Amino acid sequence: MYALLRFTIGVVIFVHGYTKVVGPGPTGVTGMFTRMAFPAPGAMAYVAIFFETIGTLCVALGLFTRFFSAALAIEMLVILITAHWAKGFSVGAGGYEYVLLLGMVYFYIAIRGGGRYSLDAKIGKEL
């Protein structure tokens, strides 16, 4: 069951990253981050795209699971604070409910690691 959880959360956020790549691309994401007054919006756009594509695939497969899960939990916290906090809790109103859940799942995976059915277990190392 744990491998299924890890795989599912990885795929769910991969879709968000993939739509950034094929949709607005780094330039559009940079524009969005600029409007949100992020520091270094260009660099942050590439970081978000990288973690939401490569990072989530690694979590889904259980490769470098702790590192990528911790990074994604931090990203979810940043998203919660910068984009959703002011809108309150309810996801229906644009609030932080869903992002909080995603962040907590990634935090749990970061603590637990890849688990028995992961590439980390196959190579005998966890980053």
Protein backbone atom coordinates (compact mmCIF):
# COMPACT_ATOMS: atom_id res chain seq x y z
CA MET A 1 0.00 0.00 0.00
CA TYR A 2 2.81 2.43 0.79
CA ALA A 3 4.31 2.02 -2.70
CA LEU A 4 0.89 2.81 -4.16
CA LEU A 5 0.66 5.98 -2.06
CA ARG A 6 4.16 7.04 -3.13
CA PHE A 7 3.40 6.31 -6.79
CA THR A 8 0.04 8.12 -6.73
CA ILE A 9 1.30 11.31 -5.09
CA GLY A 10 4.20 11.37 -7.54
CA VAL A 11 1.92 11.07 -10.56
CA VAL A 12 -0.58 13.64 -9.24
CA ILE A 13 2.02 16.39 -8.96
CA PHE A 14 3.82 15.26 -12.13
CA VAL A 15 0.70 16.31 -14.04
CA HIS A 16 1.04 19.83 -12.57
CA GLY A 17 4.68 20.01 -13.64
CA TYR A 18 3.99 18.58 -17.09
CA THR A 19 1.25 21.13 -17.74
CA LYS A 20 3.73 23.88 -16.84
CA VAL A 21 6.17 22.50 -19.44
CA VAL A 22 3.69 22.05 -22.30
CA GLY A 23 1.51 25.01 -21.34
CA PRO A 24 3.05 28.31 -20.34
CA GLY A 25 6.59 26.93 -20.21
CA PRO A 26 9.37 28.46 -18.13
CA THR A 27 8.63 31.94 -19.50
CA GLY A 28 4.98 31.81 -18.45
CA VAL A 29 5.82 30.36 -15.04
CA THR A 30 8.44 33.09 -14.60
CA GLY A 31 5.75 35.68 -15.36
CA MET A 32 3.43 34.14 -12.79
CA PHE A 33 6.19 34.12 -10.16
CA THR A 34 7.05 37.72 -11.03
CA ARG A 35 3.42 38.77 -10.42
CA MET A 36 3.57 36.94 -7.09
CA ALA A 37 6.76 38.91 -6.21
CA PHE A 38 8.96 35.82 -5.83
CA PRO A 39 12.67 36.54 -5.55
CA ALA A 40 14.57 35.32 -8.64
CA PRO A 41 11.38 34.31 -10.47
CA GLY A 42 13.23 32.90 -13.48
CA ALA A 43 15.35 30.55 -11.40
CA MET A 44 12.36 29.63 -9.24
CA ALA A 45 10.36 28.70 -12.35
CA TYR A 46 12.99 26.19 -13.42
CA VAL A 47 13.27 24.83 -9.87
CA ALA A 48 9.48 24.33 -9.63
CA ILE A 49 9.32 22.67 -13.06
CA PHE A 50 12.26 20.40 -12.22
CA PHE A 51 10.83 19.23 -8.89
CA GLU A 52 7.29 18.85 -10.26
CA THR A 53 8.48 16.68 -13.17
CA ILE A 54 11.77 14.90 -12.48
CA GLY A 55 11.35 15.01 -8.71
CA THR A 56 7.83 13.59 -8.73
CA LEU A 57 8.80 10.80 -11.12
CA CYS A 58 11.64 9.88 -8.75
CA VAL A 59 9.20 9.81 -5.82
CA ALA A 60 6.80 7.64 -7.83
CA LEU A 61 9.59 5.18 -8.60
CA GLY A 62 11.18 5.45 -5.17
CA LEU A 63 14.50 6.87 -6.37
CA PHE A 64 16.22 9.47 -4.16
CA THR A 65 12.89 9.43 -2.36
CA ARG A 66 13.81 11.26 0.83
CA PHE A 67 15.53 14.14 -0.98
CA PHE A 68 12.79 14.76 -3.54
CA SER A 69 9.95 14.27 -1.05
CA ALA A 70 11.50 16.76 1.36
CA ALA A 71 12.02 19.27 -1.46
CA LEU A 72 8.43 18.84 -2.63
CA ALA A 73 7.10 19.20 0.94
CA ILE A 74 8.98 22.50 1.18
CA GLU A 75 7.62 23.58 -2.21
CA MET A 76 4.08 22.82 -1.02
CA LEU A 77 4.69 24.92 2.10
CA VAL A 78 5.88 27.85 -0.04
CA ILE A 79 2.82 27.48 -2.31
CA LEU A 80 0.55 27.28 0.74
CA ILE A 81 1.94 30.52 2.19
CA THR A 82 2.32 32.55 -1.00
CA ALA A 83 -0.70 31.53 -3.06
CA HIS A 84 -3.36 30.00 -0.81
CA TRP A 85 -3.07 31.18 2.81
CA ALA A 86 -4.95 34.46 2.33
CA LYS A 87 -7.90 32.59 0.78
CA GLY A 88 -8.51 30.52 3.92
CA PHE A 89 -8.77 26.77 4.38
CA SER A 90 -11.40 25.67 1.84
CA VAL A 91 -10.03 24.39 -1.46
CA GLY A 92 -13.33 25.43 -3.07
CA ALA A 93 -12.46 29.05 -2.34
CA GLY A 94 -8.85 28.68 -3.52
CA GLY A 95 -7.62 27.95 0.00
CA TYR A 96 -4.77 25.83 1.28
CA GLU A 97 -6.63 22.60 2.16
CA TYR A 98 -5.36 20.52 -0.81
CA VAL A 99 -1.83 21.93 -0.77
CA LEU A 100 -1.58 21.21 2.97
CA LEU A 101 -2.62 17.59 2.37
CA LEU A 102 -0.10 17.16 -0.46
CA GLY A 103 2.66 18.73 1.62
CA MET A 104 1.96 16.48 4.60
CA VAL A 105 2.02 13.36 2.40
CA TYR A 106 5.36 14.42 0.92
CA PHE A 107 6.67 15.16 4.43
CA TYR A 108 5.60 11.68 5.57
CA ILE A 109 7.32 10.07 2.58
CA ALA A 110 10.48 12.09 3.27
CA ILE A 111 10.59 10.72 6.80
CA ARG A 112 9.74 7.13 5.84
CA GLY A 113 11.86 6.89 2.68
CA GLY A 114 11.32 4.81 -0.41
CA GLY A 115 10.18 1.67 1.33
CA ARG A 116 10.48 -1.96 0.40
CA TYR A 117 9.25 -1.61 -3.19
CA SER A 118 11.44 1.22 -4.41
CA LEU A 119 14.49 1.77 -6.55
CA ASP A 120 16.22 3.02 -3.40
CA ALA A 121 15.75 -0.45 -1.90
CA LYS A 122 16.99 -2.11 -5.09
CA ILE A 123 20.24 -0.13 -5.10
CA GLY A 124 20.57 -0.46 -1.33
CA LYS A 125 20.93 3.28 -0.67
CA GLU A 126 18.74 6.18 0.25
CA LEU A 127 19.80 9.73 -0.35
